[in-house]
Amino acid sequence: LGDFSVVSWQAIFVPAGTPAPVIDRLHTEIRAILAKPDMQDKLKGFGMEPADMTTAQIAAFQKSEVDKWAAVIKAANIKPE
C-alpha cells in the first residue's frame, strides 16, 4: 500500500456555535491535563501519543481522514449493508 497510513485517533468536539472563550478554556485545561507526567505515562501505556492541535489543525486533520477513507471506500466499491 505504499505511503498509506492507518491510525486510531480521538478528539474532543463541542457543538457548533460554542463560544470561542469556552473552546479556549477547554483547550487550556485539556493541555494541562495531558502535560502531566502521570497522564503521559498512562496514555503511553495504552500505546497512545497525545498531539496538541488547535481547532483549525484538528478540523484539517479530520477532513483529510474523511477524504482519505472516502477514496478508499469508493475505490473498493464498499457499500453499506
PDB file of N, CA and C in Angstrom:
ATOM      1  N   LEU A   1       0.795  -1.199   0.000  1.00  0.00           N
ATOM      2  CA  LEU A   1       0.000   0.000   0.000  1.00  0.00           C
ATOM      3  C   LEU A   1       0.839   1.266   0.000  1.00  0.00           C
ATOM      4  N   GLY A   2       2.126   1.127  -0.090  1.00  0.00           N
ATOM      5  CA  GLY A   2       2.981   2.303  -0.228  1.00  0.00           C
ATOM      6  C   GLY A   2       2.917   3.270   0.928  1.00  0.00           C
ATOM      7  N   ASP A   3       2.546   4.499   0.639  1.00  0.00           N
ATOM      8  CA  ASP A   3       2.535   5.570   1.637  1.00  0.00           C
ATOM      9  C   ASP A   3       1.229   5.648   2.426  1.00  0.00           C
ATOM     10  N   PHE A   4       0.544   4.541   2.557  1.00  0.00           N
ATOM     11  CA  PHE A   4      -0.746   4.545   3.239  1.00  0.00           C
ATOM     12  C   PHE A   4      -0.544   4.360   4.734  1.00  0.00           C
ATOM     13  N   SER A   5      -1.218   5.171   5.522  1.00  0.00           N
ATOM     14  CA  SER A   5      -1.099   5.116   6.978  1.00  0.00           C
ATOM     15  C   SER A   5      -2.482   4.968   7.601  1.00  0.00           C
ATOM     16  N   VAL A   6      -2.595   4.033   8.542  1.00  0.00           N
ATOM     17  CA  VAL A   6      -3.848   3.843   9.269  1.00  0.00           C
ATOM     18  C   VAL A   6      -3.549   4.038  10.747  1.00  0.00           C
ATOM     19  N   VAL A   7      -4.225   4.980  11.363  1.00  0.00           N
ATOM     20  CA  VAL A   7      -4.043   5.230  12.790  1.00  0.00           C
ATOM     21  C   VAL A   7      -5.409   5.394  13.445  1.00  0.00           C
ATOM     22  N   SER A   8      -5.442   5.065  14.709  1.00  0.00           N
ATOM     23  CA  SER A   8      -6.633   5.327  15.508  1.00  0.00           C
ATOM     24  C   SER A   8      -6.428   6.682  16.169  1.00  0.00           C
ATOM     25  N   TRP A   9      -7.453   7.494  16.195  1.00  0.00           N
ATOM     26  CA  TRP A   9      -7.301   8.799  16.826  1.00  0.00           C
ATOM     27  C   TRP A   9      -8.587   9.187  17.540  1.00  0.00           C
ATOM     28  N   GLN A  10      -8.434  10.024  18.514  1.00  0.00           N
ATOM     29  CA  GLN A  10      -9.558  10.544  19.279  1.00  0.00           C
ATOM     30  C   GLN A  10      -9.414  12.054  19.358  1.00  0.00           C
ATOM     31  N   ALA A  11     -10.533  12.714  19.477  1.00  0.00           N
ATOM     32  CA  ALA A  11     -10.535  14.167  19.645  1.00  0.00           C
ATOM     33  C   ALA A  11     -11.755  14.532  20.482  1.00  0.00           C
ATOM     34  N   ILE A  12     -11.705  15.686  21.059  1.00  0.00           N
ATOM     35  CA  ILE A  12     -12.842  16.192  21.813  1.00  0.00           C
ATOM     36  C   ILE A  12     -13.495  17.282  20.972  1.00  0.00           C
ATOM     37  N   PHE A  13     -14.774  17.101  20.711  1.00  0.00           N
ATOM     38  CA  PHE A  13     -15.527  18.049  19.901  1.00  0.00           C
ATOM     39  C   PHE A  13     -16.594  18.721  20.758  1.00  0.00           C
ATOM     40  N   VAL A  14     -16.978  19.899  20.359  1.00  0.00           N
ATOM     41  CA  VAL A  14     -18.055  20.636  21.026  1.00  0.00           C
ATOM     42  C   VAL A  14     -19.111  20.972  19.979  1.00  0.00           C
ATOM     43  N   PRO A  15     -20.316  21.285  20.425  1.00  0.00           N
ATOM     44  CA  PRO A  15     -21.361  21.636  19.458  1.00  0.00           C
ATOM     45  C   PRO A  15     -20.990  22.880  18.641  1.00  0.00           C
ATOM     46  N   ALA A  16     -21.466  22.907  17.411  1.00  0.00           N
ATOM     47  CA  ALA A  16     -21.281  24.099  16.574  1.00  0.00           C
ATOM     48  C   ALA A  16     -21.852  25.300  17.310  1.00  0.00           C
ATOM     49  N   GLY A  17     -21.172  26.407  17.191  1.00  0.00           N
ATOM     50  CA  GLY A  17     -21.639  27.627  17.827  1.00  0.00           C
ATOM     51  C   GLY A  17     -21.159  27.815  19.257  1.00  0.00           C
ATOM     52  N   THR A  18     -20.357  26.869  19.754  1.00  0.00           N
ATOM     53  CA  THR A  18     -19.808  27.036  21.102  1.00  0.00           C
ATOM     54  C   THR A  18     -18.927  28.282  21.103  1.00  0.00           C
ATOM     55  N   PRO A  19     -19.104  29.167  22.066  1.00  0.00           N
ATOM     56  CA  PRO A  19     -18.315  30.403  22.089  1.00  0.00           C
ATOM     57  C   PRO A  19     -16.808  30.130  22.166  1.00  0.00           C
ATOM     58  N   ALA A  20     -16.037  30.931  21.450  1.00  0.00           N
ATOM     59  CA  ALA A  20     -14.581  30.774  21.411  1.00  0.00           C
ATOM     60  C   ALA A  20     -13.946  30.767  22.801  1.00  0.00           C
ATOM     61  N   PRO A  21     -14.382  31.610  23.741  1.00  0.00           N
ATOM     62  CA  PRO A  21     -13.768  31.560  25.074  1.00  0.00           C
ATOM     63  C   PRO A  21     -13.960  30.208  25.771  1.00  0.00           C
ATOM     64  N   VAL A  22     -15.085  29.561  25.525  1.00  0.00           N
ATOM     65  CA  VAL A  22     -15.326  28.236  26.108  1.00  0.00           C
ATOM     66  C   VAL A  22     -14.379  27.220  25.479  1.00  0.00           C
ATOM     67  N   ILE A  23     -14.246  27.273  24.175  1.00  0.00           N
ATOM     68  CA  ILE A  23     -13.334  26.367  23.473  1.00  0.00           C
ATOM     69  C   ILE A  23     -11.901  26.600  23.947  1.00  0.00           C
ATOM     70  N   ASP A  24     -11.509  27.851  24.058  1.00  0.00           N
ATOM     71  CA  ASP A  24     -10.152  28.174  24.516  1.00  0.00           C
ATOM     72  C   ASP A  24      -9.900  27.643  25.919  1.00  0.00           C
ATOM     73  N   ARG A  25     -10.874  27.786  26.799  1.00  0.00           N
ATOM     74  CA  ARG A  25     -10.722  27.300  28.177  1.00  0.00           C
ATOM     75  C   ARG A  25     -10.600  25.778  28.201  1.00  0.00           C
ATOM     76  N   LEU A  26     -11.452  25.090  27.444  1.00  0.00           N
ATOM     77  CA  LEU A  26     -11.360  23.632  27.364  1.00  0.00           C
ATOM     78  C   LEU A  26      -9.991  23.205  26.849  1.00  0.00           C
ATOM     79  N   HIS A  27      -9.531  23.865  25.798  1.00  0.00           N
ATOM     80  CA  HIS A  27      -8.227  23.533  25.225  1.00  0.00           C
ATOM     81  C   HIS A  27      -7.119  23.725  26.253  1.00  0.00           C
ATOM     82  N   THR A  28      -7.158  24.821  26.978  1.00  0.00           N
ATOM     83  CA  THR A  28      -6.152  25.103  28.003  1.00  0.00           C
ATOM     84  C   THR A  28      -6.160  24.031  29.084  1.00  0.00           C
ATOM     85  N   GLU A  29      -7.341  23.664  29.565  1.00  0.00           N
ATOM     86  CA  GLU A  29      -7.445  22.668  30.636  1.00  0.00           C
ATOM     87  C   GLU A  29      -7.027  21.282  30.159  1.00  0.00           C
ATOM     88  N   ILE A  30      -7.433  20.914  28.959  1.00  0.00           N
ATOM     89  CA  ILE A  30      -7.059  19.603  28.417  1.00  0.00           C
ATOM     90  C   ILE A  30      -5.552  19.526  28.207  1.00  0.00           C
ATOM     91  N   ARG A  31      -4.958  20.593  27.685  1.00  0.00           N
ATOM     92  CA  ARG A  31      -3.498  20.628  27.507  1.00  0.00           C
ATOM     93  C   ARG A  31      -2.790  20.433  28.839  1.00  0.00           C
ATOM     94  N   ALA A  32      -3.288  21.086  29.885  1.00  0.00           N
ATOM     95  CA  ALA A  32      -2.668  20.974  31.208  1.00  0.00           C
ATOM     96  C   ALA A  32      -2.753  19.540  31.724  1.00  0.00           C
ATOM     97  N   ILE A  33      -3.892  18.907  31.535  1.00  0.00           N
ATOM     98  CA  ILE A  33      -4.056  17.517  31.980  1.00  0.00           C
ATOM     99  C   ILE A  33      -3.136  16.594  31.193  1.00  0.00           C
ATOM    100  N   LEU A  34      -3.105  16.762  29.881  1.00  0.00           N
ATOM    101  CA  LEU A  34      -2.275  15.888  29.045  1.00  0.00           C
ATOM    102  C   LEU A  34      -0.783  16.096  29.276  1.00  0.00           C
ATOM    103  N   ALA A  35      -0.398  17.235  29.816  1.00  0.00           N
ATOM    104  CA  ALA A  35       1.018  17.520  30.072  1.00  0.00           C
ATOM    105  C   ALA A  35       1.520  16.880  31.362  1.00  0.00           C
ATOM    106  N   LYS A  36       0.620  16.417  32.207  1.00  0.00           N
ATOM    107  CA  LYS A  36       1.029  15.823  33.482  1.00  0.00           C
ATOM    108  C   LYS A  36       1.763  14.510  33.231  1.00  0.00           C
ATOM    109  N   PRO A  37       2.903  14.309  33.909  1.00  0.00           N
ATOM    110  CA  PRO A  37       3.686  13.084  33.696  1.00  0.00           C
ATOM    111  C   PRO A  37       2.887  11.799  33.921  1.00  0.00           C
ATOM    112  N   ASP A  38       2.032  11.763  34.946  1.00  0.00           N
ATOM    113  CA  ASP A  38       1.269  10.535  35.180  1.00  0.00           C
ATOM    114  C   ASP A  38       0.272  10.273  34.049  1.00  0.00           C
ATOM    115  N   MET A  39      -0.292  11.318  33.490  1.00  0.00           N
ATOM    116  CA  MET A  39      -1.203  11.147  32.360  1.00  0.00           C
ATOM    117  C   MET A  39      -0.431  10.701  31.125  1.00  0.00           C
ATOM    118  N   GLN A  40       0.737  11.289  30.907  1.00  0.00           N
ATOM    119  CA  GLN A  40       1.591  10.867  29.791  1.00  0.00           C
ATOM    120  C   GLN A  40       1.908   9.378  29.906  1.00  0.00           C
ATOM    121  N   ASP A  41       2.268   8.934  31.113  1.00  0.00           N
ATOM    122  CA  ASP A  41       2.591   7.521  31.332  1.00  0.00           C
ATOM    123  C   ASP A  41       1.388   6.626  31.060  1.00  0.00           C
ATOM    124  N   LYS A  42       0.218   7.026  31.530  1.00  0.00           N
ATOM    125  CA  LYS A  42      -0.992   6.230  31.299  1.00  0.00           C
ATOM    126  C   LYS A  42      -1.290   6.112  29.811  1.00  0.00           C
ATOM    127  N   LEU A  43      -1.224   7.223  29.117  1.00  0.00           N
ATOM    128  CA  LEU A  43      -1.517   7.202  27.686  1.00  0.00           C
ATOM    129  C   LEU A  43      -0.499   6.363  26.924  1.00  0.00           C
ATOM    130  N   LYS A  44       0.765   6.520  27.253  1.00  0.00           N
ATOM    131  CA  LYS A  44       1.802   5.721  26.594  1.00  0.00           C
ATOM    132  C   LYS A  44       1.612   4.240  26.880  1.00  0.00           C
ATOM    133  N   GLY A  45       1.110   3.916  28.085  1.00  0.00           N
ATOM    134  CA  GLY A  45       0.818   2.529  28.433  1.00  0.00           C
ATOM    135  C   GLY A  45      -0.251   1.918  27.541  1.00  0.00           C
ATOM    136  N   PHE A  46      -1.117   2.756  27.007  1.00  0.00           N
ATOM    137  CA  PHE A  46      -2.148   2.310  26.072  1.00  0.00           C
ATOM    138  C   PHE A  46      -1.679   2.419  24.621  1.00  0.00           C
ATOM    139  N   GLY A  47      -0.425   2.813  24.425  1.00  0.00           N
ATOM    140  CA  GLY A  47       0.104   2.980  23.073  1.00  0.00           C
ATOM    141  C   GLY A  47      -0.371   4.257  22.402  1.00  0.00           C
ATOM    142  N   MET A  48      -0.775   5.233  23.201  1.00  0.00           N
ATOM    143  CA  MET A  48      -1.289   6.487  22.655  1.00  0.00           C
ATOM    144  C   MET A  48      -0.232   7.580  22.731  1.00  0.00           C
ATOM    145  N   GLU A  49      -0.260   8.469  21.758  1.00  0.00           N
ATOM    146  CA  GLU A  49       0.645   9.611  21.725  1.00  0.00           C
ATOM    147  C   GLU A  49      -0.187  10.881  21.583  1.00  0.00           C
ATOM    148  N   PRO A  50      -0.328  11.651  22.661  1.00  0.00           N
ATOM    149  CA  PRO A  50      -1.124  12.875  22.561  1.00  0.00           C
ATOM    150  C   PRO A  50      -0.524  13.865  21.562  1.00  0.00           C
ATOM    151  N   ALA A  51      -1.398  14.510  20.818  1.00  0.00           N
ATOM    152  CA  ALA A  51      -0.973  15.544  19.876  1.00  0.00           C
ATOM    153  C   ALA A  51      -1.752  16.809  20.203  1.00  0.00           C
ATOM    154  N   ASP A  52      -1.054  17.865  20.471  1.00  0.00           N
ATOM    155  CA  ASP A  52      -1.689  19.138  20.808  1.00  0.00           C
ATOM    156  C   ASP A  52      -2.019  19.867  19.514  1.00  0.00           C
ATOM    157  N   MET A  53      -3.297  19.924  19.181  1.00  0.00           N
ATOM    158  CA  MET A  53      -3.725  20.567  17.944  1.00  0.00           C
ATOM    159  C   MET A  53      -4.683  21.706  18.241  1.00  0.00           C
ATOM    160  N   THR A  54      -4.600  22.736  17.432  1.00  0.00           N
ATOM    161  CA  THR A  54      -5.574  23.824  17.505  1.00  0.00           C
ATOM    162  C   THR A  54      -6.878  23.353  16.855  1.00  0.00           C
ATOM    163  N   THR A  55      -7.924  24.136  17.008  1.00  0.00           N
ATOM    164  CA  THR A  55      -9.185  23.769  16.368  1.00  0.00           C
ATOM    165  C   THR A  55      -9.033  23.711  14.846  1.00  0.00           C
ATOM    166  N   ALA A  56      -8.262  24.612  14.286  1.00  0.00           N
ATOM    167  CA  ALA A  56      -8.041  24.594  12.832  1.00  0.00           C
ATOM    168  C   ALA A  56      -7.261  23.351  12.416  1.00  0.00           C
ATOM    169  N   GLN A  57      -6.271  22.961  13.205  1.00  0.00           N
ATOM    170  CA  GLN A  57      -5.478  21.776  12.874  1.00  0.00           C
ATOM    171  C   GLN A  57      -6.312  20.502  12.946  1.00  0.00           C
ATOM    172  N   ILE A  58      -7.137  20.374  13.986  1.00  0.00           N
ATOM    173  CA  ILE A  58      -7.950  19.161  14.088  1.00  0.00           C
ATOM    174  C   ILE A  58      -9.007  19.129  12.995  1.00  0.00           C
ATOM    175  N   ALA A  59      -9.549  20.278  12.621  1.00  0.00           N
ATOM    176  CA  ALA A  59     -10.521  20.326  11.526  1.00  0.00           C
ATOM    177  C   ALA A  59      -9.869  19.883  10.220  1.00  0.00           C
ATOM    178  N   ALA A  60      -8.653  20.344   9.970  1.00  0.00           N
ATOM    179  CA  ALA A  60      -7.934  19.948   8.752  1.00  0.00           C
ATOM    180  C   ALA A  60      -7.597  18.462   8.788  1.00  0.00           C
ATOM    181  N   PHE A  61      -7.174  17.972   9.952  1.00  0.00           N
ATOM    182  CA  PHE A  61      -6.844  16.550  10.086  1.00  0.00           C
ATOM    183  C   PHE A  61      -8.086  15.693   9.863  1.00  0.00           C
ATOM    184  N   GLN A  62      -9.194  16.073  10.484  1.00  0.00           N
ATOM    185  CA  GLN A  62     -10.429  15.309  10.317  1.00  0.00           C
ATOM    186  C   GLN A  62     -10.848  15.288   8.847  1.00  0.00           C
ATOM    187  N   LYS A  63     -10.766  16.428   8.178  1.00  0.00           N
ATOM    188  CA  LYS A  63     -11.126  16.483   6.759  1.00  0.00           C
ATOM    189  C   LYS A  63     -10.222  15.575   5.936  1.00  0.00           C
ATOM    190  N   SER A  64      -8.925  15.570   6.243  1.00  0.00           N
ATOM    191  CA  SER A  64      -8.006  14.712   5.487  1.00  0.00           C
ATOM    192  C   SER A  64      -8.334  13.235   5.707  1.00  0.00           C
ATOM    193  N   GLU A  65      -8.737  12.879   6.919  1.00  0.00           N
ATOM    194  CA  GLU A  65      -9.124  11.492   7.202  1.00  0.00           C
ATOM    195  C   GLU A  65     -10.405  11.120   6.451  1.00  0.00           C
ATOM    196  N   VAL A  66     -11.387  12.002   6.460  1.00  0.00           N
ATOM    197  CA  VAL A  66     -12.636  11.743   5.741  1.00  0.00           C
ATOM    198  C   VAL A  66     -12.351  11.596   4.250  1.00  0.00           C
ATOM    199  N   ASP A  67     -11.551  12.486   3.702  1.00  0.00           N
ATOM    200  CA  ASP A  67     -11.210  12.418   2.276  1.00  0.00           C
ATOM    201  C   ASP A  67     -10.474  11.123   1.946  1.00  0.00           C
ATOM    202  N   LYS A  68      -9.515  10.753   2.791  1.00  0.00           N
ATOM    203  CA  LYS A  68      -8.728   9.534   2.553  1.00  0.00           C
ATOM    204  C   LYS A  68      -9.635   8.307   2.547  1.00  0.00           C
ATOM    205  N   TRP A  69     -10.470   8.181   3.574  1.00  0.00           N
ATOM    206  CA  TRP A  69     -11.308   6.989   3.681  1.00  0.00           C
ATOM    207  C   TRP A  69     -12.429   6.988   2.656  1.00  0.00           C
ATOM    208  N   ALA A  70     -12.909   8.144   2.261  1.00  0.00           N
ATOM    209  CA  ALA A  70     -13.920   8.202   1.200  1.00  0.00           C
ATOM    210  C   ALA A  70     -13.340   7.658  -0.101  1.00  0.00           C
ATOM    211  N   ALA A  71     -12.092   7.997  -0.377  1.00  0.00           N
ATOM    212  CA  ALA A  71     -11.433   7.493  -1.591  1.00  0.00           C
ATOM    213  C   ALA A  71     -11.249   5.981  -1.526  1.00  0.00           C
ATOM    214  N   VAL A  72     -10.874   5.468  -0.364  1.00  0.00           N
ATOM    215  CA  VAL A  72     -10.703   4.015  -0.195  1.00  0.00           C
ATOM    216  C   VAL A  72     -12.043   3.310  -0.406  1.00  0.00           C
ATOM    217  N   ILE A  73     -13.080   3.839   0.213  1.00  0.00           N
ATOM    218  CA  ILE A  73     -14.413   3.240   0.101  1.00  0.00           C
ATOM    219  C   ILE A  73     -14.887   3.244  -1.349  1.00  0.00           C
ATOM    220  N   LYS A  74     -14.674   4.356  -2.032  1.00  0.00           N
ATOM    221  CA  LYS A  74     -15.087   4.449  -3.434  1.00  0.00           C
ATOM    222  C   LYS A  74     -14.283   3.486  -4.301  1.00  0.00           C
ATOM    223  N   ALA A  75     -12.962   3.455  -4.120  1.00  0.00           N
ATOM    224  CA  ALA A  75     -12.104   2.589  -4.938  1.00  0.00           C
ATOM    225  C   ALA A  75     -12.422   1.112  -4.725  1.00  0.00           C
ATOM    226  N   ALA A  76     -12.797   0.755  -3.504  1.00  0.00           N
ATOM    227  CA  ALA A  76     -13.102  -0.642  -3.191  1.00  0.00           C
ATOM    228  C   ALA A  76     -14.576  -0.971  -3.429  1.00  0.00           C
ATOM    229  N   ASN A  77     -15.336   0.027  -3.868  1.00  0.00           N
ATOM    230  CA  ASN A  77     -16.768  -0.147  -4.121  1.00  0.00           C
ATOM    231  C   ASN A  77     -17.493  -0.712  -2.892  1.00  0.00           C
ATOM    232  N   ILE A  78     -17.150  -0.186  -1.732  1.00  0.00           N
ATOM    233  CA  ILE A  78     -17.763  -0.638  -0.480  1.00  0.00           C
ATOM    234  C   ILE A  78     -19.135   0.018  -0.349  1.00  0.00           C
ATOM    235  N   LYS A  79     -20.118  -0.794  -0.033  1.00  0.00           N
ATOM    236  CA  LYS A  79     -21.495  -0.315   0.128  1.00  0.00           C
ATOM    237  C   LYS A  79     -21.965  -0.618   1.550  1.00  0.00           C
ATOM    238  N   PRO A  80     -22.779   0.266   2.125  1.00  0.00           N
ATOM    239  CA  PRO A  80     -23.325  -0.028   3.453  1.00  0.00           C
ATOM    240  C   PRO A  80     -24.281  -1.212   3.381  1.00  0.00           C
ATOM    241  N   GLU A  81     -24.312  -1.973   4.441  1.00  0.00           N
ATOM    242  CA  GLU A  81     -25.219  -3.134   4.479  1.00  0.00           C
ATOM    243  C   GLU A  81     -26.414  -2.844   5.344  1.00  0.00           C
TER     244      GLU A  81
END
